[in-house]
Amino acid sequence: MTLWDIPAKKSALISGLDHSLLPAVMNRLLEMGLTDGQSVRCLRRSPLRGPLVVQIGDCVYTLEQSIADKVAISGLT
């Protein structure tokens, strides 16, 4: 399951990043806090495959499907 699959108002744990990501993108995601074991909450799913709005700690980010599909999650609650 990936971050793109998380339903609105649900939380999950990051279980890894796809190693096919460009190094610059991988580094940015890690800087944003998308690290193994980190809790992430989906605040909103935009219509028509628009960006996903997620909260990591005290920060809110939007992620396009092409990126969210590269973030593995587990422990959906």
C-alpha atoms as a PDB file:
ATOM      1  CA  MET A   1       0.000   0.000   0.000  1.00  0.00           C
ATOM      2  CA  THR A   2       1.284   3.500  -0.775  1.00  0.00           C
ATOM      3  CA  LEU A   3       0.586   6.948   0.565  1.00  0.00           C
ATOM      4  CA  TRP A   4      -1.639   7.598  -2.447  1.00  0.00           C
ATOM      5  CA  ASP A   5      -4.001   4.848  -1.169  1.00  0.00           C
ATOM      6  CA  ILE A   6      -4.561   6.373   2.276  1.00  0.00           C
ATOM      7  CA  PRO A   7      -8.166   7.475   2.832  1.00  0.00           C
ATOM      8  CA  ALA A   8      -8.973  10.996   4.031  1.00  0.00           C
ATOM      9  CA  LYS A   9      -8.855  11.458   7.803  1.00  0.00           C
ATOM     10  CA  LYS A  10      -6.803   8.260   8.289  1.00  0.00           C
ATOM     11  CA  SER A  11      -3.263   7.804   9.568  1.00  0.00           C
ATOM     12  CA  ALA A  12      -0.506   5.351   8.726  1.00  0.00           C
ATOM     13  CA  LEU A  13       3.188   4.769   9.277  1.00  0.00           C
ATOM     14  CA  ILE A  14       5.803   5.332   6.586  1.00  0.00           C
ATOM     15  CA  SER A  15       7.454   2.009   5.790  1.00  0.00           C
ATOM     16  CA  GLY A  16       9.849   3.110   3.051  1.00  0.00           C
ATOM     17  CA  LEU A  17      10.573   5.145  -0.051  1.00  0.00           C
ATOM     18  CA  ASP A  18      10.929   3.693  -3.539  1.00  0.00           C
ATOM     19  CA  HIS A  19      14.602   3.656  -4.465  1.00  0.00           C
ATOM     20  CA  SER A  20      13.781   4.570  -8.070  1.00  0.00           C
ATOM     21  CA  LEU A  21      13.160   8.167  -6.952  1.00  0.00           C
ATOM     22  CA  LEU A  22      15.653  10.742  -8.145  1.00  0.00           C
ATOM     23  CA  PRO A  23      18.192  11.505  -5.402  1.00  0.00           C
ATOM     24  CA  ALA A  24      17.027  15.137  -5.144  1.00  0.00           C
ATOM     25  CA  VAL A  25      13.399  14.040  -4.685  1.00  0.00           C
ATOM     26  CA  MET A  26      14.403  11.350  -2.169  1.00  0.00           C
ATOM     27  CA  ASN A  27      16.391  13.905  -0.158  1.00  0.00           C
ATOM     28  CA  ARG A  28      13.503  16.381  -0.164  1.00  0.00           C
ATOM     29  CA  LEU A  29      11.045  13.734   1.063  1.00  0.00           C
ATOM     30  CA  LEU A  30      13.440  12.786   3.853  1.00  0.00           C
ATOM     31  CA  GLU A  31      13.804  16.485   4.778  1.00  0.00           C
ATOM     32  CA  MET A  32       9.993  16.690   4.948  1.00  0.00           C
ATOM     33  CA  GLY A  33       9.984  13.876   7.510  1.00  0.00           C
ATOM     34  CA  LEU A  34       8.920  10.959   5.315  1.00  0.00           C
ATOM     35  CA  THR A  35      11.165   8.519   7.147  1.00  0.00           C
ATOM     36  CA  ASP A  36      10.577   4.911   8.193  1.00  0.00           C
ATOM     37  CA  GLY A  37       8.246   4.692  11.176  1.00  0.00           C
ATOM     38  CA  GLN A  38       7.012   8.297  10.900  1.00  0.00           C
ATOM     39  CA  SER A  39       3.275   8.801  11.336  1.00  0.00           C
ATOM     40  CA  VAL A  40       1.447  10.550   8.491  1.00  0.00           C
ATOM     41  CA  ARG A  41      -2.200  11.661   8.376  1.00  0.00           C
ATOM     42  CA  CYS A  42      -4.222  12.340   5.238  1.00  0.00           C
ATOM     43  CA  LEU A  43      -6.061  15.616   5.745  1.00  0.00           C
ATOM     44  CA  ARG A  44      -7.699  15.807   2.324  1.00  0.00           C
ATOM     45  CA  ARG A  45      -7.890  14.044  -0.996  1.00  0.00           C
ATOM     46  CA  SER A  46      -8.376  16.505  -3.840  1.00  0.00           C
ATOM     47  CA  PRO A  47     -10.882  15.626  -6.577  1.00  0.00           C
ATOM     48  CA  LEU A  48      -9.869  14.406 -10.027  1.00  0.00           C
ATOM     49  CA  ARG A  49      -6.559  12.906  -8.864  1.00  0.00           C
ATOM     50  CA  GLY A  50      -5.411  16.261  -7.549  1.00  0.00           C
ATOM     51  CA  PRO A  51      -2.765  16.505  -4.865  1.00  0.00           C
ATOM     52  CA  LEU A  52      -2.998  14.683  -1.573  1.00  0.00           C
ATOM     53  CA  VAL A  53      -2.817  16.894   1.546  1.00  0.00           C
ATOM     54  CA  VAL A  54      -0.951  15.191   4.392  1.00  0.00           C
ATOM     55  CA  GLN A  55       0.245  16.136   7.849  1.00  0.00           C
ATOM     56  CA  ILE A  56       3.589  15.003   9.214  1.00  0.00           C
ATOM     57  CA  GLY A  57       4.199  16.260  12.723  1.00  0.00           C
ATOM     58  CA  ASP A  58       3.224  19.939  12.777  1.00  0.00           C
ATOM     59  CA  CYS A  59       3.727  20.411   9.015  1.00  0.00           C
ATOM     60  CA  VAL A  60       1.230  20.118   6.170  1.00  0.00           C
ATOM     61  CA  TYR A  61       2.318  19.139   2.651  1.00  0.00           C
ATOM     62  CA  THR A  62       0.704  18.425  -0.701  1.00  0.00           C
ATOM     63  CA  LEU A  63       1.955  15.524  -2.795  1.00  0.00           C
ATOM     64  CA  GLU A  64       1.164  14.659  -6.392  1.00  0.00           C
ATOM     65  CA  GLN A  65       0.193  11.065  -7.188  1.00  0.00           C
ATOM     66  CA  SER A  66       3.503  10.380  -8.951  1.00  0.00           C
ATOM     67  CA  ILE A  67       5.340  11.030  -5.661  1.00  0.00           C
ATOM     68  CA  ALA A  68       2.773   9.652  -3.186  1.00  0.00           C
ATOM     69  CA  ASP A  69       2.795   6.351  -5.103  1.00  0.00           C
ATOM     70  CA  LYS A  70       6.507   5.984  -4.247  1.00  0.00           C
ATOM     71  CA  VAL A  71       5.957   6.152  -0.458  1.00  0.00           C
ATOM     72  CA  ALA A  72       5.085   2.799   1.136  1.00  0.00           C
ATOM     73  CA  ILE A  73       2.862   2.816   4.231  1.00  0.00           C
ATOM     74  CA  SER A  74       1.657   0.307   6.822  1.00  0.00           C
ATOM     75  CA  GLY A  75      -0.448   0.285   9.980  1.00  0.00           C
ATOM     76  CA  LEU A  76      -3.435   2.164   8.563  1.00  0.00           C
ATOM     77  CA  THR A  77      -5.640   3.545  11.370  1.00  0.00           C
END
